[in-house]
């Protein structure tokens, strides 16, 4: 585990790797949720830069089965995102944030988890930023996963091993297999959007290979609180890497607006 990370033990005894970023305790904590094949390290320096520019403290963690956290030996189900949003995430927030205000920033799977969490209307949640979140399954999503699956079989995604080590094969197969399964074809969380009342910033790359603008439009139009859409040009599935400066600028503005 990296020197600046620590262990958090879930109620079931499994350990999660957590990184805390120092900041002003009077400001909301920024909670970062990684993508479906991501981890703390794969965020790069985006969390640190955003915290530095806003003065906010930050919290980044590896979900069970990812990065430096313990392996997930359970069978992944169609409810795996719900389990992360309603089970694991609240445990982390209770331990590290308590009664303080916070904002959740989620990428891809992390964005979907953030929306599910917001729909539960937790106390202290001031806003949500999503990047490439999904609320339903599109044909292009499945096509993108099949391409990733073929690339993985050819060893073209071996860089993932540097982040997930001996968990890499199990993690990749769990992600690809559940999304390509027949039951998951009907996965849809649009019914939750009407329960979201906190402010949203919904972002996505114009060239995202895993989802279309329909995802953004659905989130913005069906949520009940103030919601803004941001489509980033020259950007695919990783806005914080491909358009990091522009994304940071908009997130900073969003955080200023919700603080007023």
C-alpha atoms as a PDB file:
ATOM      1  CA  UNK A   1       0.000   0.000   0.000  1.00  0.00           C
ATOM      2  CA  UNK A   2       1.263   3.502  -0.809  1.00  0.00           C
ATOM      3  CA  UNK A   3       2.797   5.483   2.048  1.00  0.00           C
ATOM      4  CA  UNK A   4       0.014   8.085   2.115  1.00  0.00           C
ATOM      5  CA  UNK A   5      -2.856   5.565   2.230  1.00  0.00           C
ATOM      6  CA  UNK A   6      -4.394   3.806   5.223  1.00  0.00           C
ATOM      7  CA  UNK A   7      -6.694   0.895   5.924  1.00  0.00           C
ATOM      8  CA  UNK A   8     -10.422   1.112   6.615  1.00  0.00           C
ATOM      9  CA  UNK A   9     -12.111  -2.072   7.778  1.00  0.00           C
ATOM     10  CA  UNK A  10     -15.652  -2.664   6.537  1.00  0.00           C
ATOM     11  CA  UNK A  11     -18.307  -4.153   8.782  1.00  0.00           C
ATOM     12  CA  UNK A  12     -17.668  -7.555   7.175  1.00  0.00           C
ATOM     13  CA  UNK A  13     -13.963  -7.350   8.072  1.00  0.00           C
ATOM     14  CA  UNK A  14     -12.612  -6.639   4.589  1.00  0.00           C
ATOM     15  CA  UNK A  15     -10.044  -3.861   4.310  1.00  0.00           C
ATOM     16  CA  UNK A  16     -10.239  -0.893   1.945  1.00  0.00           C
ATOM     17  CA  UNK A  17      -7.287   1.310   1.013  1.00  0.00           C
ATOM     18  CA  UNK A  18      -8.114   4.961   1.747  1.00  0.00           C
ATOM     19  CA  UNK A  19      -6.231   8.151   0.957  1.00  0.00           C
ATOM     20  CA  UNK A  20      -7.047  11.386   2.763  1.00  0.00           C
ATOM     21  CA  UNK A  21      -6.180  14.824   1.371  1.00  0.00           C
ATOM     22  CA  UNK A  22      -5.771  17.687   3.846  1.00  0.00           C
ATOM     23  CA  UNK A  23      -7.901  20.813   3.529  1.00  0.00           C
ATOM     24  CA  UNK A  24     -10.106  23.334   5.298  1.00  0.00           C
ATOM     25  CA  UNK A  25     -12.321  21.515   7.802  1.00  0.00           C
ATOM     26  CA  UNK A  26     -15.025  24.168   7.443  1.00  0.00           C
ATOM     27  CA  UNK A  27     -15.553  23.280   3.764  1.00  0.00           C
ATOM     28  CA  UNK A  28     -17.285  20.207   2.345  1.00  0.00           C
ATOM     29  CA  UNK A  29     -15.172  17.073   1.945  1.00  0.00           C
ATOM     30  CA  UNK A  30     -14.727  15.925  -1.668  1.00  0.00           C
ATOM     31  CA  UNK A  31     -15.310  12.160  -1.943  1.00  0.00           C
ATOM     32  CA  UNK A  32     -13.914  10.565  -5.114  1.00  0.00           C
ATOM     33  CA  UNK A  33     -15.401   7.321  -6.525  1.00  0.00           C
ATOM     34  CA  UNK A  34     -13.352   5.572  -9.205  1.00  0.00           C
ATOM     35  CA  UNK A  35     -14.450   3.859 -12.415  1.00  0.00           C
ATOM     36  CA  UNK A  36     -15.271   0.178 -12.976  1.00  0.00           C
ATOM     37  CA  UNK A  37     -11.618  -0.771 -13.547  1.00  0.00           C
ATOM     38  CA  UNK A  38     -10.152   2.054 -11.489  1.00  0.00           C
ATOM     39  CA  UNK A  39      -8.562   2.725  -8.111  1.00  0.00           C
ATOM     40  CA  UNK A  40      -6.969   5.537  -6.116  1.00  0.00           C
ATOM     41  CA  UNK A  41      -3.826   5.630  -8.245  1.00  0.00           C
ATOM     42  CA  UNK A  42      -5.728   5.741 -11.537  1.00  0.00           C
ATOM     43  CA  UNK A  43      -7.211   9.121 -10.635  1.00  0.00           C
ATOM     44  CA  UNK A  44      -3.717  10.549 -11.106  1.00  0.00           C
ATOM     45  CA  UNK A  45      -3.312  13.932  -9.414  1.00  0.00           C
ATOM     46  CA  UNK A  46      -6.857  15.116 -10.204  1.00  0.00           C
ATOM     47  CA  UNK A  47      -8.144  14.808  -6.594  1.00  0.00           C
ATOM     48  CA  UNK A  48      -5.113  16.633  -5.184  1.00  0.00           C
ATOM     49  CA  UNK A  49      -5.341  19.447  -7.736  1.00  0.00           C
ATOM     50  CA  UNK A  50      -9.064  19.918  -7.180  1.00  0.00           C
ATOM     51  CA  UNK A  51      -8.651  19.989  -3.401  1.00  0.00           C
ATOM     52  CA  UNK A  52      -5.776  22.436  -3.700  1.00  0.00           C
ATOM     53  CA  UNK A  53      -7.785  24.821  -5.893  1.00  0.00           C
ATOM     54  CA  UNK A  54     -10.893  24.697  -3.703  1.00  0.00           C
ATOM     55  CA  UNK A  55      -9.315  24.420  -0.251  1.00  0.00           C
ATOM     56  CA  UNK A  56     -11.502  21.374   0.411  1.00  0.00           C
ATOM     57  CA  UNK A  57     -10.214  18.217   2.042  1.00  0.00           C
ATOM     58  CA  UNK A  58     -10.573  15.015   0.045  1.00  0.00           C
ATOM     59  CA  UNK A  59     -11.237  11.323   0.481  1.00  0.00           C
ATOM     60  CA  UNK A  60     -10.314   8.733  -2.150  1.00  0.00           C
ATOM     61  CA  UNK A  61     -10.640   4.987  -1.668  1.00  0.00           C
ATOM     62  CA  UNK A  62     -10.371   1.671  -3.480  1.00  0.00           C
ATOM     63  CA  UNK A  63     -13.661  -0.231  -3.437  1.00  0.00           C
ATOM     64  CA  UNK A  64     -13.517  -3.867  -2.411  1.00  0.00           C
ATOM     65  CA  UNK A  65     -11.685  -5.884  -5.066  1.00  0.00           C
ATOM     66  CA  UNK A  66      -9.849  -2.895  -6.545  1.00  0.00           C
ATOM     67  CA  UNK A  67      -6.363  -1.437  -6.225  1.00  0.00           C
ATOM     68  CA  UNK A  68      -4.809  -2.085  -2.821  1.00  0.00           C
ATOM     69  CA  UNK A  69      -8.062  -3.115  -1.118  1.00  0.00           C
ATOM     70  CA  UNK A  70      -8.781  -6.732  -0.248  1.00  0.00           C
ATOM     71  CA  UNK A  71      -9.890  -9.072  -3.013  1.00  0.00           C
ATOM     72  CA  UNK A  72     -13.603  -9.572  -3.568  1.00  0.00           C
ATOM     73  CA  UNK A  73     -14.205 -13.317  -3.606  1.00  0.00           C
ATOM     74  CA  UNK A  74     -18.000 -13.055  -3.931  1.00  0.00           C
ATOM     75  CA  UNK A  75     -19.912 -13.581  -7.155  1.00  0.00           C
ATOM     76  CA  UNK A  76     -20.675 -10.181  -8.690  1.00  0.00           C
ATOM     77  CA  UNK A  77     -24.407  -9.651  -9.178  1.00  0.00           C
ATOM     78  CA  UNK A  78     -26.528  -7.177 -11.134  1.00  0.00           C
ATOM     79  CA  UNK A  79     -26.834  -5.279  -7.843  1.00  0.00           C
ATOM     80  CA  UNK A  80     -23.108  -4.660  -7.391  1.00  0.00           C
ATOM     81  CA  UNK A  81     -23.418  -0.912  -7.926  1.00  0.00           C
ATOM     82  CA  UNK A  82     -26.309  -0.674  -5.486  1.00  0.00           C
ATOM     83  CA  UNK A  83     -24.229  -2.561  -2.920  1.00  0.00           C
ATOM     84  CA  UNK A  84     -21.366  -0.087  -3.313  1.00  0.00           C
ATOM     85  CA  UNK A  85     -23.714   2.922  -3.098  1.00  0.00           C
ATOM     86  CA  UNK A  86     -25.922   1.847  -0.221  1.00  0.00           C
ATOM     87  CA  UNK A  87     -23.572  -0.410   1.742  1.00  0.00           C
ATOM     88  CA  UNK A  88     -19.871   0.321   1.372  1.00  0.00           C
ATOM     89  CA  UNK A  89     -19.945   4.083   0.668  1.00  0.00           C
ATOM     90  CA  UNK A  90     -22.102   5.020   3.698  1.00  0.00           C
ATOM     91  CA  UNK A  91     -19.729   3.068   5.963  1.00  0.00           C
ATOM     92  CA  UNK A  92     -16.760   5.040   4.652  1.00  0.00           C
ATOM     93  CA  UNK A  93     -18.612   8.342   4.984  1.00  0.00           C
ATOM     94  CA  UNK A  94     -19.754   7.646   8.551  1.00  0.00           C
ATOM     95  CA  UNK A  95     -16.214   6.796   9.620  1.00  0.00           C
ATOM     96  CA  UNK A  96     -14.296   9.597   7.920  1.00  0.00           C
ATOM     97  CA  UNK A  97     -16.824  12.409   7.500  1.00  0.00           C
ATOM     98  CA  UNK A  98     -19.454  11.926  10.157  1.00  0.00           C
ATOM     99  CA  UNK A  99     -21.734  14.959  10.375  1.00  0.00           C
ATOM    100  CA  UNK A 100     -19.691  17.169   8.030  1.00  0.00           C
ATOM    101  CA  UNK A 101     -20.933  18.265   4.617  1.00  0.00           C
ATOM    102  CA  UNK A 102     -19.536  16.522   1.561  1.00  0.00           C
ATOM    103  CA  UNK A 103     -19.696  16.386  -2.242  1.00  0.00           C
ATOM    104  CA  UNK A 104     -19.337  13.142  -4.195  1.00  0.00           C
ATOM    105  CA  UNK A 105     -17.361  13.099  -7.451  1.00  0.00           C
ATOM    106  CA  UNK A 106     -17.764   9.869  -9.401  1.00  0.00           C
ATOM    107  CA  UNK A 107     -16.282   8.581 -12.657  1.00  0.00           C
ATOM    108  CA  UNK A 108     -18.157   5.984 -14.773  1.00  0.00           C
ATOM    109  CA  UNK A 109     -19.267   3.240 -12.323  1.00  0.00           C
ATOM    110  CA  UNK A 110     -18.363   5.713  -9.587  1.00  0.00           C
ATOM    111  CA  UNK A 111     -20.737   8.245 -11.130  1.00  0.00           C
ATOM    112  CA  UNK A 112     -23.596   5.750 -11.131  1.00  0.00           C
ATOM    113  CA  UNK A 113     -22.815   4.902  -7.502  1.00  0.00           C
ATOM    114  CA  UNK A 114     -22.841   8.620  -6.649  1.00  0.00           C
ATOM    115  CA  UNK A 115     -26.312   9.034  -8.169  1.00  0.00           C
ATOM    116  CA  UNK A 116     -27.685   6.028  -6.275  1.00  0.00           C
ATOM    117  CA  UNK A 117     -26.202   7.424  -3.087  1.00  0.00           C
ATOM    118  CA  UNK A 118     -27.781  10.822  -3.741  1.00  0.00           C
ATOM    119  CA  UNK A 119     -31.185   9.227  -4.324  1.00  0.00           C
ATOM    120  CA  UNK A 120     -31.099   7.991  -0.710  1.00  0.00           C
ATOM    121  CA  UNK A 121     -30.950  11.697   0.302  1.00  0.00           C
ATOM    122  CA  UNK A 122     -28.191  11.251   2.907  1.00  0.00           C
ATOM    123  CA  UNK A 123     -27.672  13.973   5.441  1.00  0.00           C
ATOM    124  CA  UNK A 124     -24.710  16.186   4.657  1.00  0.00           C
ATOM    125  CA  UNK A 125     -24.599  15.567   0.895  1.00  0.00           C
ATOM    126  CA  UNK A 126     -24.289  18.998  -0.727  1.00  0.00           C
ATOM    127  CA  UNK A 127     -23.881  17.973  -4.356  1.00  0.00           C
ATOM    128  CA  UNK A 128     -22.741  15.389  -6.893  1.00  0.00           C
ATOM    129  CA  UNK A 129     -20.402  15.612  -9.889  1.00  0.00           C
ATOM    130  CA  UNK A 130     -20.522  12.750 -12.384  1.00  0.00           C
ATOM    131  CA  UNK A 131     -18.137  12.011 -15.240  1.00  0.00           C
ATOM    132  CA  UNK A 132     -19.324   9.422 -17.783  1.00  0.00           C
ATOM    133  CA  UNK A 133     -21.973   7.970 -15.469  1.00  0.00           C
ATOM    134  CA  UNK A 134     -24.507   5.411 -16.713  1.00  0.00           C
ATOM    135  CA  UNK A 135     -28.159   5.183 -15.751  1.00  0.00           C
ATOM    136  CA  UNK A 136     -29.094   2.546 -18.339  1.00  0.00           C
ATOM    137  CA  UNK A 137     -27.343   0.181 -20.740  1.00  0.00           C
ATOM    138  CA  UNK A 138     -26.820   1.214 -24.361  1.00  0.00           C
ATOM    139  CA  UNK A 139     -25.736  -0.917 -27.314  1.00  0.00           C
ATOM    140  CA  UNK A 140     -22.619   1.230 -27.642  1.00  0.00           C
ATOM    141  CA  UNK A 141     -21.783   0.479 -23.995  1.00  0.00           C
ATOM    142  CA  UNK A 142     -21.777  -3.239 -24.662  1.00  0.00           C
ATOM    143  CA  UNK A 143     -19.833  -2.783 -27.903  1.00  0.00           C
ATOM    144  CA  UNK A 144     -17.184  -0.802 -26.030  1.00  0.00           C
ATOM    145  CA  UNK A 145     -16.897  -3.502 -23.368  1.00  0.00           C
ATOM    146  CA  UNK A 146     -16.539  -6.203 -26.026  1.00  0.00           C
ATOM    147  CA  UNK A 147     -13.690  -4.214 -27.588  1.00  0.00           C
ATOM    148  CA  UNK A 148     -12.047  -3.901 -24.177  1.00  0.00           C
ATOM    149  CA  UNK A 149     -12.531  -7.627 -23.621  1.00  0.00           C
ATOM    150  CA  UNK A 150     -10.796  -8.417 -26.934  1.00  0.00           C
ATOM    151  CA  UNK A 151      -7.963  -6.022 -26.112  1.00  0.00           C
ATOM    152  CA  UNK A 152      -7.522  -7.592 -22.679  1.00  0.00           C
ATOM    153  CA  UNK A 153      -7.309 -11.071 -24.209  1.00  0.00           C
ATOM    154  CA  UNK A 154      -4.465  -9.820 -26.425  1.00  0.00           C
ATOM    155  CA  UNK A 155      -2.581  -8.366 -23.466  1.00  0.00           C
ATOM    156  CA  UNK A 156      -3.165  -4.758 -24.526  1.00  0.00           C
ATOM    157  CA  UNK A 157      -4.483  -3.763 -21.087  1.00  0.00           C
ATOM    158  CA  UNK A 158      -1.637  -5.246 -19.051  1.00  0.00           C
ATOM    159  CA  UNK A 159      -1.049  -1.810 -17.513  1.00  0.00           C
ATOM    160  CA  UNK A 160      -3.981  -2.621 -15.212  1.00  0.00           C
ATOM    161  CA  UNK A 161      -1.762  -5.135 -13.397  1.00  0.00           C
ATOM    162  CA  UNK A 162       0.361  -2.306 -12.032  1.00  0.00           C
ATOM    163  CA  UNK A 163      -2.717  -1.038 -10.203  1.00  0.00           C
ATOM    164  CA  UNK A 164      -4.626  -4.197  -9.248  1.00  0.00           C
ATOM    165  CA  UNK A 165      -1.783  -6.745  -9.115  1.00  0.00           C
ATOM    166  CA  UNK A 166      -2.993 -10.329  -8.615  1.00  0.00           C
ATOM    167  CA  UNK A 167      -6.627  -9.195  -8.514  1.00  0.00           C
ATOM    168  CA  UNK A 168      -6.525  -7.963 -12.126  1.00  0.00           C
ATOM    169  CA  UNK A 169      -7.909 -10.999 -13.974  1.00  0.00           C
ATOM    170  CA  UNK A 170     -10.748 -11.519 -11.511  1.00  0.00           C
ATOM    171  CA  UNK A 171     -11.615  -7.817 -11.520  1.00  0.00           C
ATOM    172  CA  UNK A 172     -11.635  -7.450 -15.294  1.00  0.00           C
ATOM    173  CA  UNK A 173     -13.681 -10.606 -15.847  1.00  0.00           C
ATOM    174  CA  UNK A 174     -16.192  -9.640 -13.146  1.00  0.00           C
ATOM    175  CA  UNK A 175     -16.669  -6.213 -14.758  1.00  0.00           C
ATOM    176  CA  UNK A 176     -16.961  -7.420 -18.352  1.00  0.00           C
ATOM    177  CA  UNK A 177     -18.995 -10.534 -17.594  1.00  0.00           C
ATOM    178  CA  UNK A 178     -21.694  -8.804 -15.553  1.00  0.00           C
ATOM    179  CA  UNK A 179     -22.161  -5.959 -18.036  1.00  0.00           C
ATOM    180  CA  UNK A 180     -22.381  -8.412 -20.944  1.00  0.00           C
ATOM    181  CA  UNK A 181     -24.726 -10.794 -19.132  1.00  0.00           C
ATOM    182  CA  UNK A 182     -28.342 -11.157 -20.202  1.00  0.00           C
ATOM    183  CA  UNK A 183     -29.815  -9.942 -16.877  1.00  0.00           C
ATOM    184  CA  UNK A 184     -27.707  -6.760 -16.896  1.00  0.00           C
ATOM    185  CA  UNK A 185     -29.070  -5.756 -20.296  1.00  0.00           C
ATOM    186  CA  UNK A 186     -32.151  -4.548 -18.407  1.00  0.00           C
ATOM    187  CA  UNK A 187     -30.208  -2.652 -15.713  1.00  0.00           C
ATOM    188  CA  UNK A 188     -31.678   0.821 -15.359  1.00  0.00           C
ATOM    189  CA  UNK A 189     -31.610   3.334 -12.478  1.00  0.00           C
ATOM    190  CA  UNK A 190     -33.673   6.116 -14.049  1.00  0.00           C
ATOM    191  CA  UNK A 191     -36.396   5.381 -11.498  1.00  0.00           C
ATOM    192  CA  UNK A 192     -34.062   6.722  -8.786  1.00  0.00           C
ATOM    193  CA  UNK A 193     -33.396  10.081 -10.404  1.00  0.00           C
ATOM    194  CA  UNK A 194     -36.633  11.700  -9.217  1.00  0.00           C
ATOM    195  CA  UNK A 195     -35.431  11.212  -5.637  1.00  0.00           C
ATOM    196  CA  UNK A 196     -32.288  13.297  -6.212  1.00  0.00           C
ATOM    197  CA  UNK A 197     -32.733  16.841  -4.944  1.00  0.00           C
ATOM    198  CA  UNK A 198     -29.132  17.981  -4.418  1.00  0.00           C
ATOM    199  CA  UNK A 199     -27.326  20.004  -7.135  1.00  0.00           C
ATOM    200  CA  UNK A 200     -25.720  17.991  -9.926  1.00  0.00           C
ATOM    201  CA  UNK A 201     -22.958  18.652 -12.437  1.00  0.00           C
ATOM    202  CA  UNK A 202     -23.268  15.950 -15.091  1.00  0.00           C
ATOM    203  CA  UNK A 203     -20.250  15.682 -17.404  1.00  0.00           C
ATOM    204  CA  UNK A 204     -19.271  13.433 -20.275  1.00  0.00           C
ATOM    205  CA  UNK A 205     -16.868  13.392 -23.202  1.00  0.00           C
ATOM    206  CA  UNK A 206     -18.410  13.932 -26.625  1.00  0.00           C
ATOM    207  CA  UNK A 207     -16.366  10.970 -27.881  1.00  0.00           C
ATOM    208  CA  UNK A 208     -17.110   8.628 -24.966  1.00  0.00           C
ATOM    209  CA  UNK A 209     -16.917   5.085 -26.290  1.00  0.00           C
ATOM    210  CA  UNK A 210     -19.131   3.678 -23.539  1.00  0.00           C
ATOM    211  CA  UNK A 211     -22.125   6.013 -23.568  1.00  0.00           C
ATOM    212  CA  UNK A 212     -23.977   8.697 -25.499  1.00  0.00           C
ATOM    213  CA  UNK A 213     -25.382  12.075 -24.523  1.00  0.00           C
ATOM    214  CA  UNK A 214     -28.642  10.248 -23.753  1.00  0.00           C
ATOM    215  CA  UNK A 215     -27.115   9.368 -20.372  1.00  0.00           C
ATOM    216  CA  UNK A 216     -26.486  13.018 -19.512  1.00  0.00           C
ATOM    217  CA  UNK A 217     -29.884  14.164 -20.757  1.00  0.00           C
ATOM    218  CA  UNK A 218     -31.677  11.505 -18.725  1.00  0.00           C
ATOM    219  CA  UNK A 219     -29.897  12.482 -15.503  1.00  0.00           C
ATOM    220  CA  UNK A 220     -30.402  16.215 -15.960  1.00  0.00           C
ATOM    221  CA  UNK A 221     -34.042  16.030 -17.058  1.00  0.00           C
ATOM    222  CA  UNK A 222     -35.242  13.491 -14.493  1.00  0.00           C
ATOM    223  CA  UNK A 223     -33.519  14.660 -11.309  1.00  0.00           C
ATOM    224  CA  UNK A 224     -35.457  17.098  -9.143  1.00  0.00           C
ATOM    225  CA  UNK A 225     -32.716  19.461  -7.999  1.00  0.00           C
ATOM    226  CA  UNK A 226     -30.673  21.947 -10.045  1.00  0.00           C
ATOM    227  CA  UNK A 227     -28.692  20.009 -12.646  1.00  0.00           C
ATOM    228  CA  UNK A 228     -26.233  21.225 -15.268  1.00  0.00           C
ATOM    229  CA  UNK A 229     -24.887  19.287 -18.251  1.00  0.00           C
ATOM    230  CA  UNK A 230     -21.323  19.598 -19.523  1.00  0.00           C
ATOM    231  CA  UNK A 231     -20.272  17.866 -22.747  1.00  0.00           C
ATOM    232  CA  UNK A 232     -16.508  18.038 -23.237  1.00  0.00           C
ATOM    233  CA  UNK A 233     -15.065  18.248 -26.751  1.00  0.00           C
ATOM    234  CA  UNK A 234     -12.027  16.151 -27.727  1.00  0.00           C
ATOM    235  CA  UNK A 235     -12.760  13.854 -24.824  1.00  0.00           C
ATOM    236  CA  UNK A 236     -13.676  10.184 -24.533  1.00  0.00           C
ATOM    237  CA  UNK A 237     -14.338   8.209 -21.332  1.00  0.00           C
ATOM    238  CA  UNK A 238     -11.856   9.839 -18.939  1.00  0.00           C
ATOM    239  CA  UNK A 239     -12.576  13.593 -18.657  1.00  0.00           C
ATOM    240  CA  UNK A 240     -10.291  14.064 -15.635  1.00  0.00           C
ATOM    241  CA  UNK A 241      -7.347  12.902 -17.759  1.00  0.00           C
ATOM    242  CA  UNK A 242      -8.335  14.031 -21.255  1.00  0.00           C
ATOM    243  CA  UNK A 243      -9.773  17.441 -20.330  1.00  0.00           C
ATOM    244  CA  UNK A 244      -8.560  17.778 -16.764  1.00  0.00           C
ATOM    245  CA  UNK A 245      -8.093  21.552 -16.705  1.00  0.00           C
ATOM    246  CA  UNK A 246     -11.499  22.268 -18.217  1.00  0.00           C
ATOM    247  CA  UNK A 247     -13.228  19.772 -15.939  1.00  0.00           C
ATOM    248  CA  UNK A 248     -11.475  21.200 -12.880  1.00  0.00           C
ATOM    249  CA  UNK A 249     -12.555  24.717 -13.827  1.00  0.00           C
ATOM    250  CA  UNK A 250     -16.215  23.682 -14.057  1.00  0.00           C
ATOM    251  CA  UNK A 251     -16.123  21.644 -10.852  1.00  0.00           C
ATOM    252  CA  UNK A 252     -14.566  24.563  -8.958  1.00  0.00           C
ATOM    253  CA  UNK A 253     -17.328  26.844 -10.245  1.00  0.00           C
ATOM    254  CA  UNK A 254     -19.964  24.266  -9.278  1.00  0.00           C
ATOM    255  CA  UNK A 255     -18.571  24.051  -5.747  1.00  0.00           C
ATOM    256  CA  UNK A 256     -18.548  27.840  -5.411  1.00  0.00           C
ATOM    257  CA  UNK A 257     -22.164  28.028  -6.606  1.00  0.00           C
ATOM    258  CA  UNK A 258     -23.481  25.451  -4.138  1.00  0.00           C
ATOM    259  CA  UNK A 259     -21.629  27.150  -1.291  1.00  0.00           C
ATOM    260  CA  UNK A 260     -23.494  30.427  -1.863  1.00  0.00           C
END
